PDB file of N, CA and C in Angstrom:
ATOM      1  N   UNK A   1      64.244 126.369 134.277  1.00  0.00           N
ATOM      2  CA  UNK A   1      64.502 126.146 132.865  1.00  0.00           C
ATOM      3  C   UNK A   1      64.564 124.637 132.623  1.00  0.00           C
ATOM      4  N   UNK A   2      63.892 124.188 131.598  1.00  0.00           N
ATOM      5  CA  UNK A   2      63.779 122.763 131.283  1.00  0.00           C
ATOM      6  C   UNK A   2      65.137 122.100 131.065  1.00  0.00           C
ATOM      7  N   UNK A   3      66.059 122.789 130.404  1.00  0.00           N
ATOM      8  CA  UNK A   3      67.324 122.167 130.014  1.00  0.00           C
ATOM      9  C   UNK A   3      68.497 122.538 130.912  1.00  0.00           C
ATOM     10  N   UNK A   4      68.250 123.219 132.036  1.00  0.00           N
ATOM     11  CA  UNK A   4      69.327 123.654 132.920  1.00  0.00           C
ATOM     12  C   UNK A   4      70.220 122.475 133.290  1.00  0.00           C
ATOM     13  N   UNK A   5      71.535 122.605 133.262  1.00  0.00           N
ATOM     14  CA  UNK A   5      72.350 123.806 133.094  1.00  0.00           C
ATOM     15  C   UNK A   5      72.687 124.134 131.634  1.00  0.00           C
ATOM     16  N   UNK A   6      72.100 123.439 130.698  1.00  0.00           N
ATOM     17  CA  UNK A   6      72.331 123.701 129.274  1.00  0.00           C
ATOM     18  C   UNK A   6      71.397 124.812 128.796  1.00  0.00           C
ATOM     19  N   UNK A   7      71.767 125.493 127.715  1.00  0.00           N
ATOM     20  CA  UNK A   7      70.908 126.552 127.180  1.00  0.00           C
ATOM     21  C   UNK A   7      70.035 126.081 126.021  1.00  0.00           C
ATOM     22  N   UNK A   8      70.394 124.974 125.389  1.00  0.00           N
ATOM     23  CA  UNK A   8      69.657 124.501 124.215  1.00  0.00           C
ATOM     24  C   UNK A   8      68.971 123.172 124.515  1.00  0.00           C
ATOM     25  N   UNK A   9      67.723 123.058 124.072  1.00  0.00           N
ATOM     26  CA  UNK A   9      66.938 121.827 124.162  1.00  0.00           C
ATOM     27  C   UNK A   9      66.515 121.494 122.740  1.00  0.00           C
ATOM     28  N   UNK A  10      67.053 120.407 122.207  1.00  0.00           N
ATOM     29  CA  UNK A  10      66.755 120.006 120.831  1.00  0.00           C
ATOM     30  C   UNK A  10      65.986 118.694 120.873  1.00  0.00           C
ATOM     31  N   UNK A  11      64.889 118.626 120.140  1.00  0.00           N
ATOM     32  CA  UNK A  11      64.094 117.409 120.043  1.00  0.00           C
ATOM     33  C   UNK A  11      64.251 116.858 118.636  1.00  0.00           C
ATOM     34  N   UNK A  12      64.892 115.708 118.510  1.00  0.00           N
ATOM     35  CA  UNK A  12      65.065 115.039 117.218  1.00  0.00           C
ATOM     36  C   UNK A  12      64.064 113.900 117.121  1.00  0.00           C
ATOM     37  N   UNK A  13      63.415 113.786 115.971  1.00  0.00           N
ATOM     38  CA  UNK A  13      62.500 112.680 115.722  1.00  0.00           C
ATOM     39  C   UNK A  13      62.963 111.947 114.467  1.00  0.00           C
ATOM     40  N   UNK A  14      63.367 110.684 114.626  1.00  0.00           N
ATOM     41  CA  UNK A  14      63.788 109.865 113.497  1.00  0.00           C
ATOM     42  C   UNK A  14      65.051 110.354 112.810  1.00  0.00           C
ATOM     43  N   UNK A  15      65.915 111.034 113.503  1.00  0.00           N
ATOM     44  CA  UNK A  15      67.110 111.613 112.874  1.00  0.00           C
ATOM     45  C   UNK A  15      68.184 110.558 112.620  1.00  0.00           C
ATOM     46  N   UNK A  16      68.733 110.594 111.432  1.00  0.00           N
ATOM     47  CA  UNK A  16      69.928 109.834 111.063  1.00  0.00           C
ATOM     48  C   UNK A  16      70.895 110.869 110.516  1.00  0.00           C
ATOM     49  N   UNK A  17      72.046 111.016 111.129  1.00  0.00           N
ATOM     50  CA  UNK A  17      72.940 112.116 110.759  1.00  0.00           C
ATOM     51  C   UNK A  17      74.221 111.616 110.115  1.00  0.00           C
ATOM     52  N   UNK A  18      74.793 112.460 109.265  1.00  0.00           N
ATOM     53  CA  UNK A  18      76.146 112.234 108.759  1.00  0.00           C
ATOM     54  C   UNK A  18      77.125 112.684 109.838  1.00  0.00           C
ATOM     55  N   UNK A  19      78.369 112.264 109.706  1.00  0.00           N
ATOM     56  CA  UNK A  19      79.385 112.659 110.664  1.00  0.00           C
ATOM     57  C   UNK A  19      79.552 114.171 110.694  1.00  0.00           C
ATOM     58  N   UNK A  20      79.611 114.722 111.892  1.00  0.00           N
ATOM     59  CA  UNK A  20      79.769 116.162 112.031  1.00  0.00           C
ATOM     60  C   UNK A  20      80.293 116.519 113.414  1.00  0.00           C
ATOM     61  N   UNK A  21      80.832 117.714 113.503  1.00  0.00           N
ATOM     62  CA  UNK A  21      81.207 118.340 114.769  1.00  0.00           C
ATOM     63  C   UNK A  21      80.325 119.572 114.892  1.00  0.00           C
ATOM     64  N   UNK A  22      79.921 119.914 116.095  1.00  0.00           N
ATOM     65  CA  UNK A  22      79.087 121.096 116.324  1.00  0.00           C
ATOM     66  C   UNK A  22      79.968 122.223 116.859  1.00  0.00           C
ATOM     67  N   UNK A  23      80.570 123.024 115.961  1.00  0.00           N
ATOM     68  CA  UNK A  23      81.568 124.009 116.387  1.00  0.00           C
ATOM     69  C   UNK A  23      81.017 125.113 117.282  1.00  0.00           C
ATOM     70  N   UNK A  24      79.721 125.345 117.261  1.00  0.00           N
ATOM     71  CA  UNK A  24      79.158 126.404 118.090  1.00  0.00           C
ATOM     72  C   UNK A  24      78.705 125.912 119.458  1.00  0.00           C
ATOM     73  N   UNK A  25      78.848 124.606 119.734  1.00  0.00           N
ATOM     74  CA  UNK A  25      78.548 124.099 121.068  1.00  0.00           C
ATOM     75  C   UNK A  25      79.704 124.415 122.001  1.00  0.00           C
ATOM     76  N   UNK A  26      79.386 124.600 123.271  1.00  0.00           N
ATOM     77  CA  UNK A  26      80.388 124.903 124.283  1.00  0.00           C
ATOM     78  C   UNK A  26      80.357 123.803 125.338  1.00  0.00           C
ATOM     79  N   UNK A  27      81.474 123.123 125.522  1.00  0.00           N
ATOM     80  CA  UNK A  27      81.537 122.076 126.538  1.00  0.00           C
ATOM     81  C   UNK A  27      80.824 120.813 126.108  1.00  0.00           C
ATOM     82  N   UNK A  28      80.200 120.180 127.072  1.00  0.00           N
ATOM     83  CA  UNK A  28      79.549 118.893 126.825  1.00  0.00           C
ATOM     84  C   UNK A  28      78.142 119.067 126.266  1.00  0.00           C
ATOM     85  N   UNK A  29      77.713 118.051 125.533  1.00  0.00           N
ATOM     86  CA  UNK A  29      76.306 117.947 125.171  1.00  0.00           C
ATOM     87  C   UNK A  29      75.805 116.621 125.724  1.00  0.00           C
ATOM     88  N   UNK A  30      74.514 116.538 125.939  1.00  0.00           N
ATOM     89  CA  UNK A  30      73.885 115.318 126.445  1.00  0.00           C
ATOM     90  C   UNK A  30      72.918 114.801 125.387  1.00  0.00           C
ATOM     91  N   UNK A  31      72.939 113.496 125.148  1.00  0.00           N
ATOM     92  CA  UNK A  31      72.020 112.842 124.222  1.00  0.00           C
ATOM     93  C   UNK A  31      71.217 111.814 125.004  1.00  0.00           C
ATOM     94  N   UNK A  32      69.883 111.903 124.894  1.00  0.00           N
ATOM     95  CA  UNK A  32      68.980 111.003 125.618  1.00  0.00           C
ATOM     96  C   UNK A  32      67.976 110.446 124.610  1.00  0.00           C
ATOM     97  N   UNK A  33      68.150 109.181 124.176  1.00  0.00           N
ATOM     98  CA  UNK A  33      67.228 108.615 123.182  1.00  0.00           C
ATOM     99  C   UNK A  33      65.938 108.078 123.820  1.00  0.00           C
ATOM    100  N   UNK A  34      64.881 108.030 122.997  1.00  0.00           N
ATOM    101  CA  UNK A  34      63.620 107.432 123.435  1.00  0.00           C
ATOM    102  C   UNK A  34      62.930 106.807 122.230  1.00  0.00           C
ATOM    103  N   UNK A  35      62.031 105.882 122.473  1.00  0.00           N
ATOM    104  CA  UNK A  35      61.273 105.249 121.398  1.00  0.00           C
ATOM    105  C   UNK A  35      61.487 103.751 121.359  1.00  0.00           C
ATOM    106  N   UNK A  36      61.125 103.161 120.210  1.00  0.00           N
ATOM    107  CA  UNK A  36      61.246 101.727 119.985  1.00  0.00           C
ATOM    108  C   UNK A  36      61.898 101.549 118.615  1.00  0.00           C
ATOM    109  N   UNK A  37      63.152 101.166 118.566  1.00  0.00           N
ATOM    110  CA  UNK A  37      63.909 101.122 117.319  1.00  0.00           C
ATOM    111  C   UNK A  37      64.964 100.023 117.351  1.00  0.00           C
ATOM    112  N   UNK A  38      65.506  99.749 116.188  1.00  0.00           N
ATOM    113  CA  UNK A  38      66.663  98.856 116.037  1.00  0.00           C
ATOM    114  C   UNK A  38      67.693  99.600 115.217  1.00  0.00           C
ATOM    115  N   UNK A  39      68.963  99.418 115.543  1.00  0.00           N
ATOM    116  CA  UNK A  39      70.035 100.133 114.849  1.00  0.00           C
ATOM    117  C   UNK A  39      70.183 101.523 115.403  1.00  0.00           C
ATOM    118  N   UNK A  40      70.626 102.460 114.552  1.00  0.00           N
ATOM    119  CA  UNK A  40      70.742 103.855 114.951  1.00  0.00           C
ATOM    120  C   UNK A  40      71.813 104.141 115.981  1.00  0.00           C
ATOM    121  N   UNK A  41      72.830 103.286 116.041  1.00  0.00           N
ATOM    122  CA  UNK A  41      73.865 103.467 117.047  1.00  0.00           C
ATOM    123  C   UNK A  41      74.521 104.836 116.918  1.00  0.00           C
ATOM    124  N   UNK A  42      74.925 105.390 118.047  1.00  0.00           N
ATOM    125  CA  UNK A  42      75.657 106.661 118.076  1.00  0.00           C
ATOM    126  C   UNK A  42      77.143 106.346 117.966  1.00  0.00           C
ATOM    127  N   UNK A  43      77.792 106.912 116.964  1.00  0.00           N
ATOM    128  CA  UNK A  43      79.214 106.669 116.725  1.00  0.00           C
ATOM    129  C   UNK A  43      80.009 107.914 117.080  1.00  0.00           C
ATOM    130  N   UNK A  44      81.042 107.742 117.878  1.00  0.00           N
ATOM    131  CA  UNK A  44      81.958 108.816 118.247  1.00  0.00           C
ATOM    132  C   UNK A  44      83.281 108.509 117.570  1.00  0.00           C
ATOM    133  N   UNK A  45      83.506 109.158 116.437  1.00  0.00           N
ATOM    134  CA  UNK A  45      84.577 108.793 115.503  1.00  0.00           C
ATOM    135  C   UNK A  45      85.955 108.724 116.132  1.00  0.00           C
ATOM    136  N   UNK A  46      86.430 109.835 116.703  1.00  0.00           N
ATOM    137  CA  UNK A  46      87.805 109.862 117.204  1.00  0.00           C
ATOM    138  C   UNK A  46      88.050 108.853 118.319  1.00  0.00           C
ATOM    139  N   UNK A  47      86.999 108.510 119.045  1.00  0.00           N
ATOM    140  CA  UNK A  47      87.145 107.544 120.135  1.00  0.00           C
ATOM    141  C   UNK A  47      86.988 106.103 119.653  1.00  0.00           C
ATOM    142  N   UNK A  48      86.519 105.924 118.422  1.00  0.00           N
ATOM    143  CA  UNK A  48      86.290 104.583 117.897  1.00  0.00           C
ATOM    144  C   UNK A  48      85.166 103.859 118.608  1.00  0.00           C
ATOM    145  N   UNK A  49      84.181 104.610 119.110  1.00  0.00           N
ATOM    146  CA  UNK A  49      83.083 104.007 119.857  1.00  0.00           C
ATOM    147  C   UNK A  49      81.808 103.943 119.023  1.00  0.00           C
ATOM    148  N   UNK A  50      81.098 102.823 119.151  1.00  0.00           N
ATOM    149  CA  UNK A  50      79.772 102.647 118.576  1.00  0.00           C
ATOM    150  C   UNK A  50      78.867 102.289 119.744  1.00  0.00           C
ATOM    151  N   UNK A  51      77.994 103.221 120.118  1.00  0.00           N
ATOM    152  CA  UNK A  51      77.179 103.058 121.329  1.00  0.00           C
ATOM    153  C   UNK A  51      75.770 102.605 120.974  1.00  0.00           C
ATOM    154  N   UNK A  52      75.389 101.446 121.494  1.00  0.00           N
ATOM    155  CA  UNK A  52      74.041 100.915 121.296  1.00  0.00           C
ATOM    156  C   UNK A  52      73.184 101.387 122.464  1.00  0.00           C
ATOM    157  N   UNK A  53      72.604 102.551 122.303  1.00  0.00           N
ATOM    158  CA  UNK A  53      71.858 103.170 123.385  1.00  0.00           C
ATOM    159  C   UNK A  53      70.460 102.594 123.507  1.00  0.00           C
ATOM    160  N   UNK A  54      69.954 102.596 124.722  1.00  0.00           N
ATOM    161  CA  UNK A  54      68.599 102.167 125.033  1.00  0.00           C
ATOM    162  C   UNK A  54      67.790 103.388 125.446  1.00  0.00           C
ATOM    163  N   UNK A  55      66.465 103.304 125.371  1.00  0.00           N
ATOM    164  CA  UNK A  55      65.648 104.434 125.806  1.00  0.00           C
ATOM    165  C   UNK A  55      66.016 104.876 127.219  1.00  0.00           C
ATOM    166  N   UNK A  56      66.233 106.182 127.377  1.00  0.00           N
ATOM    167  CA  UNK A  56      66.554 106.739 128.683  1.00  0.00           C
ATOM    168  C   UNK A  56      68.027 106.791 129.021  1.00  0.00           C
ATOM    169  N   UNK A  57      68.888 106.133 128.221  1.00  0.00           N
ATOM    170  CA  UNK A  57      70.328 106.268 128.455  1.00  0.00           C
ATOM    171  C   UNK A  57      70.717 107.735 128.287  1.00  0.00           C
ATOM    172  N   UNK A  58      71.790 108.132 128.952  1.00  0.00           N
ATOM    173  CA  UNK A  58      72.312 109.485 128.814  1.00  0.00           C
ATOM    174  C   UNK A  58      73.786 109.384 128.452  1.00  0.00           C
ATOM    175  N   UNK A  59      74.168 110.050 127.360  1.00  0.00           N
ATOM    176  CA  UNK A  59      75.566 110.092 126.929  1.00  0.00           C
ATOM    177  C   UNK A  59      76.001 111.552 126.937  1.00  0.00           C
ATOM    178  N   UNK A  60      77.136 111.820 127.565  1.00  0.00           N
ATOM    179  CA  UNK A  60      77.730 113.157 127.578  1.00  0.00           C
ATOM    180  C   UNK A  60      79.042 113.104 126.819  1.00  0.00           C
ATOM    181  N   UNK A  61      79.249 114.051 125.897  1.00  0.00           N
ATOM    182  CA  UNK A  61      80.517 114.135 125.180  1.00  0.00           C
ATOM    183  C   UNK A  61      80.681 115.546 124.631  1.00  0.00           C
ATOM    184  N   UNK A  62      81.918 115.968 124.363  1.00  0.00           N
ATOM    185  CA  UNK A  62      82.147 117.308 123.810  1.00  0.00           C
ATOM    186  C   UNK A  62      81.854 117.332 122.313  1.00  0.00           C
ATOM    187  N   UNK A  63      80.641 117.717 121.952  1.00  0.00           N
ATOM    188  CA  UNK A  63      80.194 117.671 120.557  1.00  0.00           C
ATOM    189  C   UNK A  63      80.927 118.678 119.670  1.00  0.00           C
ATOM    190  N   UNK A  64      81.648 119.603 120.273  1.00  0.00           N
ATOM    191  CA  UNK A  64      82.431 120.563 119.485  1.00  0.00           C
ATOM    192  C   UNK A  64      83.847 120.059 119.217  1.00  0.00           C
ATOM    193  N   UNK A  65      84.174 118.876 119.719  1.00  0.00           N
ATOM    194  CA  UNK A  65      85.510 118.313 119.539  1.00  0.00           C
ATOM    195  C   UNK A  65      85.509 116.918 118.924  1.00  0.00           C
ATOM    196  N   UNK A  66      84.437 116.173 119.112  1.00  0.00           N
ATOM    197  CA  UNK A  66      84.375 114.782 118.649  1.00  0.00           C
ATOM    198  C   UNK A  66      83.322 114.651 117.545  1.00  0.00           C
ATOM    199  N   UNK A  67      83.757 114.191 116.380  1.00  0.00           N
ATOM    200  CA  UNK A  67      82.813 113.942 115.284  1.00  0.00           C
ATOM    201  C   UNK A  67      81.870 112.812 115.701  1.00  0.00           C
ATOM    202  N   UNK A  68      80.602 112.975 115.366  1.00  0.00           N
ATOM    203  CA  UNK A  68      79.594 111.997 115.774  1.00  0.00           C
ATOM    204  C   UNK A  68      78.531 111.871 114.686  1.00  0.00           C
ATOM    205  N   UNK A  69      77.896 110.705 114.675  1.00  0.00           N
ATOM    206  CA  UNK A  69      76.824 110.436 113.714  1.00  0.00           C
ATOM    207  C   UNK A  69      76.033 109.234 114.191  1.00  0.00           C
ATOM    208  N   UNK A  70      74.885 108.999 113.541  1.00  0.00           N
ATOM    209  CA  UNK A  70      74.053 107.837 113.833  1.00  0.00           C
ATOM    210  C   UNK A  70      74.045 106.905 112.640  1.00  0.00           C
ATOM    211  N   UNK A  71      74.044 105.607 112.924  1.00  0.00           N
ATOM    212  CA  UNK A  71      73.879 104.612 111.870  1.00  0.00           C
ATOM    213  C   UNK A  71      72.399 104.507 111.496  1.00  0.00           C
ATOM    214  N   UNK A  72      72.132 103.846 110.389  1.00  0.00           N
ATOM    215  CA  UNK A  72      70.749 103.643 109.939  1.00  0.00           C
ATOM    216  C   UNK A  72      69.958 102.922 111.014  1.00  0.00           C
ATOM    217  N   UNK A  73      68.670 103.220 111.053  1.00  0.00           N
ATOM    218  CA  UNK A  73      67.819 102.574 112.053  1.00  0.00           C
ATOM    219  C   UNK A  73      66.464 102.273 111.461  1.00  0.00           C
ATOM    220  N   UNK A  74      65.742 101.395 112.141  1.00  0.00           N
ATOM    221  CA  UNK A  74      64.353 101.118 111.782  1.00  0.00           C
ATOM    222  C   UNK A  74      63.511 101.276 113.042  1.00  0.00           C
ATOM    223  N   UNK A  75      62.251 101.561 112.852  1.00  0.00           N
ATOM    224  CA  UNK A  75      61.376 101.800 113.989  1.00  0.00           C
ATOM    225  C   UNK A  75      61.209 103.282 114.231  1.00  0.00           C
ATOM    226  N   UNK A  76      60.847 103.598 115.434  1.00  0.00           N
ATOM    227  CA  UNK A  76      60.632 104.992 115.797  1.00  0.00           C
ATOM    228  C   UNK A  76      61.563 105.362 116.934  1.00  0.00           C
ATOM    229  N   UNK A  77      62.443 106.316 116.645  1.00  0.00           N
ATOM    230  CA  UNK A  77      63.395 106.768 117.659  1.00  0.00           C
ATOM    231  C   UNK A  77      63.427 108.280 117.641  1.00  0.00           C
ATOM    232  N   UNK A  78      63.500 108.824 118.816  1.00  0.00           N
ATOM    233  CA  UNK A  78      63.724 110.250 118.984  1.00  0.00           C
ATOM    234  C   UNK A  78      64.859 110.426 119.965  1.00  0.00           C
ATOM    235  N   UNK A  79      65.314 111.633 120.074  1.00  0.00           N
ATOM    236  CA  UNK A  79      66.323 111.925 121.089  1.00  0.00           C
ATOM    237  C   UNK A  79      66.172 113.361 121.547  1.00  0.00           C
ATOM    238  N   UNK A  80      66.491 113.553 122.795  1.00  0.00           N
ATOM    239  CA  UNK A  80      66.619 114.885 123.357  1.00  0.00           C
ATOM    240  C   UNK A  80      68.109 115.169 123.403  1.00  0.00           C
ATOM    241  N   UNK A  81      68.511 116.317 122.878  1.00  0.00           N
ATOM    242  CA  UNK A  81      69.908 116.730 122.911  1.00  0.00           C
ATOM    243  C   UNK A  81      69.966 118.047 123.674  1.00  0.00           C
ATOM    244  N   UNK A  82      70.828 118.084 124.672  1.00  0.00           N
ATOM    245  CA  UNK A  82      71.028 119.288 125.477  1.00  0.00           C
ATOM    246  C   UNK A  82      72.430 119.800 125.228  1.00  0.00           C
ATOM    247  N   UNK A  83      72.552 121.092 124.939  1.00  0.00           N
ATOM    248  CA  UNK A  83      73.862 121.679 124.688  1.00  0.00           C
ATOM    249  C   UNK A  83      73.839 123.149 125.100  1.00  0.00           C
ATOM    250  N   UNK A  84      74.994 123.765 125.064  1.00  0.00           N
ATOM    251  CA  UNK A  84      75.119 125.190 125.362  1.00  0.00           C
ATOM    252  C   UNK A  84      75.832 125.854 124.200  1.00  0.00           C
ATOM    253  N   UNK A  85      75.286 126.964 123.736  1.00  0.00           N
ATOM    254  CA  UNK A  85      75.816 127.680 122.582  1.00  0.00           C
ATOM    255  C   UNK A  85      76.939 128.620 123.015  1.00  0.00           C
ATOM    256  N   UNK A  86      78.049 128.623 122.266  1.00  0.00           N
ATOM    257  CA  UNK A  86      79.185 129.486 122.581  1.00  0.00           C
ATOM    258  C   UNK A  86      78.827 130.966 122.576  1.00  0.00           C
ATOM    259  N   UNK A  87      77.849 131.357 121.760  1.00  0.00           N
ATOM    260  CA  UNK A  87      77.521 132.785 121.672  1.00  0.00           C
ATOM    261  C   UNK A  87      76.924 133.316 122.967  1.00  0.00           C
ATOM    262  N   UNK A  88      76.496 132.427 123.861  1.00  0.00           N
ATOM    263  CA  UNK A  88      75.983 132.885 125.145  1.00  0.00           C
ATOM    264  C   UNK A  88      77.055 133.671 125.904  1.00  0.00           C
ATOM    265  N   UNK A  89      78.309 133.228 125.829  1.00  0.00           N
ATOM    266  CA  UNK A  89      79.389 133.945 126.510  1.00  0.00           C
ATOM    267  C   UNK A  89      79.546 135.352 125.949  1.00  0.00           C
ATOM    268  N   UNK A  90      79.391 135.501 124.638  1.00  0.00           N
ATOM    269  CA  UNK A  90      79.493 136.819 124.027  1.00  0.00           C
ATOM    270  C   UNK A  90      78.376 137.731 124.535  1.00  0.00           C
ATOM    271  N   UNK A  91      77.194 137.192 124.724  1.00  0.00           N
ATOM    272  CA  UNK A  91      76.092 137.988 125.252  1.00  0.00           C
ATOM    273  C   UNK A  91      76.387 138.419 126.688  1.00  0.00           C
ATOM    274  N   UNK A  92      76.875 137.516 127.496  1.00  0.00           N
ATOM    275  CA  UNK A  92      77.193 137.849 128.884  1.00  0.00           C
ATOM    276  C   UNK A  92      78.299 138.899 128.938  1.00  0.00           C
ATOM    277  N   UNK A  93      79.326 138.748 128.101  1.00  0.00           N
ATOM    278  CA  UNK A  93      80.477 139.656 128.140  1.00  0.00           C
ATOM    279  C   UNK A  93      80.185 141.037 127.563  1.00  0.00           C
ATOM    280  N   UNK A  94      79.492 141.110 126.424  1.00  0.00           N
ATOM    281  CA  UNK A  94      79.294 142.418 125.791  1.00  0.00           C
ATOM    282  C   UNK A  94      77.984 142.518 125.007  1.00  0.00           C
ATOM    283  N   UNK A  95      76.999 141.709 125.374  1.00  0.00           N
ATOM    284  CA  UNK A  95      75.689 141.711 124.704  1.00  0.00           C
ATOM    285  C   UNK A  95      75.842 141.593 123.187  1.00  0.00           C
ATOM    286  N   UNK A  96      76.737 140.687 122.758  1.00  0.00           N
ATOM    287  CA  UNK A  96      77.029 140.466 121.336  1.00  0.00           C
ATOM    288  C   UNK A  96      77.384 141.776 120.628  1.00  0.00           C
ATOM    289  N   UNK A  97      78.207 142.564 121.310  1.00  0.00           N
ATOM    290  CA  UNK A  97      78.698 143.867 120.844  1.00  0.00           C
ATOM    291  C   UNK A  97      77.608 144.936 120.774  1.00  0.00           C
ATOM    292  N   UNK A  98      76.500 144.711 121.482  1.00  0.00           N
ATOM    293  CA  UNK A  98      75.444 145.705 121.583  1.00  0.00           C
ATOM    294  C   UNK A  98      75.464 146.384 122.962  1.00  0.00           C
ATOM    295  N   UNK A  99      76.513 146.143 123.753  1.00  0.00           N
ATOM    296  CA  UNK A  99      76.523 146.662 125.132  1.00  0.00           C
ATOM    297  C   UNK A  99      76.411 148.172 125.216  1.00  0.00           C
ATOM    298  N   UNK A 100      76.865 148.899 124.196  1.00  0.00           N
ATOM    299  CA  UNK A 100      76.744 150.362 124.211  1.00  0.00           C
ATOM    300  C   UNK A 100      75.330 150.828 123.836  1.00  0.00           C
ATOM    301  N   UNK A 101      74.505 149.917 123.334  1.00  0.00           N
ATOM    302  CA  UNK A 101      73.174 150.276 122.856  1.00  0.00           C
ATOM    303  C   UNK A 101      72.052 149.732 123.732  1.00  0.00           C
ATOM    304  N   UNK A 102      72.400 148.903 124.735  1.00  0.00           N
ATOM    305  CA  UNK A 102      71.389 148.274 125.579  1.00  0.00           C
ATOM    306  C   UNK A 102      71.577 148.769 127.002  1.00  0.00           C
ATOM    307  N   UNK A 103      70.477 149.170 127.621  1.00  0.00           N
ATOM    308  CA  UNK A 103      70.549 149.649 129.017  1.00  0.00           C
ATOM    309  C   UNK A 103      70.603 148.508 129.974  1.00  0.00           C
TER     310      UNK A 103
END
């Protein structure tokens, strides 16, 4: 699997986000930026961090607990985001409540 041990592989192109928490993420997420850009720093609100990432850097943080966003940027930037969805546990435990209907 391309994103192992994570279940989600997200490809962002030119994304600038407002502050948010990802409540359906489970555990850590990984952010890996690529491209040629200026600005676009990753901000982790509760920690008071503004990260000036370079292409290929890897940042791990609990996206379901720490509000995060990107500042404005110029140029071309993308990022790969790896995360795991909380609903996966429900599927493992009871097939999302379909366990009586699935062989």
